[in-house]
Each structure stands twice: as structure tokens, then as C-alpha cells.
Amino acid sequence: MDDKWDLFVEGGTLFAHRTWTGFGVYSATFVEVEGGLRVSEVWVESDPERYRRPSDAHDLALLEILIRGTLLGEEPDPELMERWRVALPKTPQHAGGAVRGLLGRAASAPAD
């Protein structure tokens, strides 16, 4: 998954862009809380020519996966992965390599 997204921070805002198009899909701002940061606002690209939004639930879960996995280097959380999987549309156009890659990564995580 991390090879299909470019994540970077500018001016205190996290941006997530698709690598093959360069299109910005997500941006998120944060507030300081005890023990770290919390997402305070999320923006999602809504132009269907640039990004086909499956649902709010999908976008929130995917952004959390990107933050936890790519930025924080955490192993995929099974509950989060299930939330993301359930929110995926049931159409073939969205069931491409990114889905298989993410689910494969989660499945290959070492068992405790």
C-alpha cells in the first residue's frame, strides 16, 4: 500500500497523494492532545474524475490505515482492516491490486 501513496506534511497538514496520478486524495489536520496528536479535520477529493469515493467509512478507514501503517510503521490492526474491507464497494472496479495488496499485507503479518 505504501508504494501507491505519497504522504507528506506541509504547514501542519498531512497530505496523501496517489503516486501514479499525483492527485491529492486526502488531507488531514491535527490537534495536540495528551500523549500525542488527534486528527481534527479530514478533506477528501470529491471529483470523480480524480478519485471515486466509495463511502465516508471507507475513506476514514483507509486514511487511518495509511497513517498507522505508512507514517507510524504499525502492523495492520485486524479490526481496522475489517472496517475497511466491509466499507469497500462490492463492484469489480474497486477490487483491484490495492485491495489484494492490503489484504495480503494484513494476512502476512506475524501472528502473536
C-alpha atoms as a PDB file:
ATOM      1  CA  MET A   1       0.000   0.000   0.000  1.00  0.00           C
ATOM      2  CA  ASP A   2       2.708   2.471   0.909  1.00  0.00           C
ATOM      3  CA  ASP A   3       4.152   2.228  -2.608  1.00  0.00           C
ATOM      4  CA  LYS A   4       0.890   3.607  -4.058  1.00  0.00           C
ATOM      5  CA  TRP A   5       0.663   6.677  -1.862  1.00  0.00           C
ATOM      6  CA  ASP A   6       2.875   9.690  -1.237  1.00  0.00           C
ATOM      7  CA  LEU A   7       2.324  11.090   2.238  1.00  0.00           C
ATOM      8  CA  PHE A   8       3.849  14.398   3.280  1.00  0.00           C
ATOM      9  CA  VAL A   9       3.282  17.238   5.723  1.00  0.00           C
ATOM     10  CA  GLU A  10       3.218  20.918   4.815  1.00  0.00           C
ATOM     11  CA  GLY A  11       2.271  23.671   7.214  1.00  0.00           C
ATOM     12  CA  GLY A  12       0.942  21.226   9.785  1.00  0.00           C
ATOM     13  CA  THR A  13      -1.345  19.418   7.328  1.00  0.00           C
ATOM     14  CA  LEU A  14      -0.866  15.808   6.217  1.00  0.00           C
ATOM     15  CA  PHE A  15      -1.454  15.189   2.508  1.00  0.00           C
ATOM     16  CA  ALA A  16      -1.942  11.812   0.819  1.00  0.00           C
ATOM     17  CA  HIS A  17      -1.487  11.726  -2.963  1.00  0.00           C
ATOM     18  CA  ARG A  18      -1.795   8.797  -5.363  1.00  0.00           C
ATOM     19  CA  THR A  19       1.660   8.034  -6.763  1.00  0.00           C
ATOM     20  CA  TRP A  20       0.637   7.192 -10.324  1.00  0.00           C
ATOM     21  CA  THR A  21      -1.552  10.288 -10.848  1.00  0.00           C
ATOM     22  CA  GLY A  22      -0.092  12.726  -8.352  1.00  0.00           C
ATOM     23  CA  PHE A  23      -3.649  13.676  -7.402  1.00  0.00           C
ATOM     24  CA  GLY A  24      -4.228  14.704  -3.810  1.00  0.00           C
ATOM     25  CA  VAL A  25      -6.896  12.454  -2.322  1.00  0.00           C
ATOM     26  CA  TYR A  26      -6.748  13.152   1.413  1.00  0.00           C
ATOM     27  CA  SER A  27      -5.615  15.946   3.674  1.00  0.00           C
ATOM     28  CA  ALA A  28      -5.830  15.928   7.443  1.00  0.00           C
ATOM     29  CA  THR A  29      -5.122  18.422  10.183  1.00  0.00           C
ATOM     30  CA  PHE A  30      -4.271  17.514  13.753  1.00  0.00           C
ATOM     31  CA  VAL A  31      -4.625  18.925  17.247  1.00  0.00           C
ATOM     32  CA  GLU A  32      -2.400  18.208  20.191  1.00  0.00           C
ATOM     33  CA  VAL A  33      -3.907  16.030  22.888  1.00  0.00           C
ATOM     34  CA  GLU A  34      -2.415  14.454  25.952  1.00  0.00           C
ATOM     35  CA  GLY A  35       0.029  11.845  24.711  1.00  0.00           C
ATOM     36  CA  GLY A  36       0.206  12.938  21.071  1.00  0.00           C
ATOM     37  CA  LEU A  37      -1.919  14.158  18.196  1.00  0.00           C
ATOM     38  CA  ARG A  38      -5.504  13.546  17.083  1.00  0.00           C
ATOM     39  CA  VAL A  39      -6.995  14.126  13.648  1.00  0.00           C
ATOM     40  CA  SER A  40      -9.229  17.186  13.849  1.00  0.00           C
ATOM     41  CA  GLU A  41     -10.350  17.545  10.230  1.00  0.00           C
ATOM     42  CA  VAL A  42     -10.193  15.448   7.056  1.00  0.00           C
ATOM     43  CA  TRP A  43     -10.739  16.544   3.478  1.00  0.00           C
ATOM     44  CA  VAL A  44     -11.338  14.018   0.690  1.00  0.00           C
ATOM     45  CA  GLU A  45     -11.187  14.644  -3.075  1.00  0.00           C
ATOM     46  CA  SER A  46     -14.741  14.530  -4.431  1.00  0.00           C
ATOM     47  CA  ASP A  47     -14.146  14.965  -8.172  1.00  0.00           C
ATOM     48  CA  PRO A  48     -14.986  11.523  -9.648  1.00  0.00           C
ATOM     49  CA  GLU A  49     -12.518  12.173 -12.485  1.00  0.00           C
ATOM     50  CA  ARG A  50      -9.744  12.251  -9.889  1.00  0.00           C
ATOM     51  CA  TYR A  51     -10.983   9.828  -7.209  1.00  0.00           C
ATOM     52  CA  ARG A  52     -14.021   7.548  -6.990  1.00  0.00           C
ATOM     53  CA  ARG A  53     -15.146   7.849  -3.383  1.00  0.00           C
ATOM     54  CA  PRO A  54     -16.680   4.599  -2.187  1.00  0.00           C
ATOM     55  CA  SER A  55     -18.007   5.963   1.148  1.00  0.00           C
ATOM     56  CA  ASP A  56     -17.079   8.042   4.161  1.00  0.00           C
ATOM     57  CA  ALA A  57     -16.468   4.863   6.168  1.00  0.00           C
ATOM     58  CA  HIS A  58     -14.052   3.569   3.503  1.00  0.00           C
ATOM     59  CA  ASP A  59     -12.153   6.857   3.306  1.00  0.00           C
ATOM     60  CA  LEU A  60     -11.791   7.199   7.080  1.00  0.00           C
ATOM     61  CA  ALA A  61     -10.584   3.611   7.464  1.00  0.00           C
ATOM     62  CA  LEU A  62      -8.138   3.903   4.556  1.00  0.00           C
ATOM     63  CA  LEU A  63      -6.696   7.171   5.857  1.00  0.00           C
ATOM     64  CA  GLU A  64      -6.228   5.569   9.278  1.00  0.00           C
ATOM     65  CA  ILE A  65      -4.502   2.585   7.633  1.00  0.00           C
ATOM     66  CA  LEU A  66      -2.157   4.956   5.791  1.00  0.00           C
ATOM     67  CA  ILE A  67      -1.353   6.934   8.931  1.00  0.00           C
ATOM     68  CA  ARG A  68      -0.835   3.893  11.139  1.00  0.00           C
ATOM     69  CA  GLY A  69       0.999   1.759   8.578  1.00  0.00           C
ATOM     70  CA  THR A  70       2.985   4.223   6.495  1.00  0.00           C
ATOM     71  CA  LEU A  71       3.683   7.036   8.948  1.00  0.00           C
ATOM     72  CA  LEU A  72       3.801   5.160  12.241  1.00  0.00           C
ATOM     73  CA  GLY A  73       5.058   1.813  10.907  1.00  0.00           C
ATOM     74  CA  GLU A  74       2.424  -0.172  12.797  1.00  0.00           C
ATOM     75  CA  GLU A  75       1.256  -3.602  11.731  1.00  0.00           C
ATOM     76  CA  PRO A  76      -2.299  -3.655  10.320  1.00  0.00           C
ATOM     77  CA  ASP A  77      -4.919  -3.875  13.043  1.00  0.00           C
ATOM     78  CA  PRO A  78      -7.375  -6.695  12.204  1.00  0.00           C
ATOM     79  CA  GLU A  79     -10.414  -4.689  13.379  1.00  0.00           C
ATOM     80  CA  LEU A  80      -9.381  -1.674  11.302  1.00  0.00           C
ATOM     81  CA  MET A  81      -8.753  -3.869   8.262  1.00  0.00           C
ATOM     82  CA  GLU A  82     -12.192  -5.438   8.688  1.00  0.00           C
ATOM     83  CA  ARG A  83     -13.818  -1.987   8.952  1.00  0.00           C
ATOM     84  CA  TRP A  84     -12.061  -1.005   5.717  1.00  0.00           C
ATOM     85  CA  ARG A  85     -12.972  -4.290   3.974  1.00  0.00           C
ATOM     86  CA  VAL A  86     -16.656  -4.041   4.928  1.00  0.00           C
ATOM     87  CA  ALA A  87     -16.788  -0.450   3.638  1.00  0.00           C
ATOM     88  CA  LEU A  88     -15.443  -1.436   0.203  1.00  0.00           C
ATOM     89  CA  PRO A  89     -17.966  -1.357  -2.618  1.00  0.00           C
ATOM     90  CA  LYS A  90     -18.899  -4.744  -3.983  1.00  0.00           C
ATOM     91  CA  THR A  91     -18.119  -3.766  -7.577  1.00  0.00           C
ATOM     92  CA  PRO A  92     -15.174  -5.100  -9.609  1.00  0.00           C
ATOM     93  CA  GLN A  93     -13.919  -1.603 -10.488  1.00  0.00           C
ATOM     94  CA  HIS A  94     -12.754  -1.120  -6.877  1.00  0.00           C
ATOM     95  CA  ALA A  95     -11.484  -4.656  -6.285  1.00  0.00           C
ATOM     96  CA  GLY A  96      -8.077  -4.213  -7.868  1.00  0.00           C
ATOM     97  CA  GLY A  97      -4.486  -4.726  -6.804  1.00  0.00           C
ATOM     98  CA  ALA A  98      -4.638  -2.277  -3.908  1.00  0.00           C
ATOM     99  CA  VAL A  99      -7.278  -4.428  -2.235  1.00  0.00           C
ATOM    100  CA  ARG A 100      -5.305  -7.616  -2.759  1.00  0.00           C
ATOM    101  CA  GLY A 101      -2.104  -5.874  -1.678  1.00  0.00           C
ATOM    102  CA  LEU A 102      -3.597  -4.548   1.525  1.00  0.00           C
ATOM    103  CA  LEU A 103      -5.327  -7.762   2.439  1.00  0.00           C
ATOM    104  CA  GLY A 104      -2.187  -9.725   1.565  1.00  0.00           C
ATOM    105  CA  ARG A 105      -0.110  -7.484   3.798  1.00  0.00           C
ATOM    106  CA  ALA A 106      -2.564  -7.949   6.649  1.00  0.00           C
ATOM    107  CA  ALA A 107      -2.656 -11.691   6.138  1.00  0.00           C
ATOM    108  CA  SER A 108       1.125 -11.931   6.125  1.00  0.00           C
ATOM    109  CA  ALA A 109       1.530 -10.085   9.421  1.00  0.00           C
ATOM    110  CA  PRO A 110       3.153 -12.330  12.035  1.00  0.00           C
ATOM    111  CA  ALA A 111       0.731 -13.936  14.460  1.00  0.00           C
ATOM    112  CA  ASP A 112       1.160 -13.189  18.165  1.00  0.00           C
END
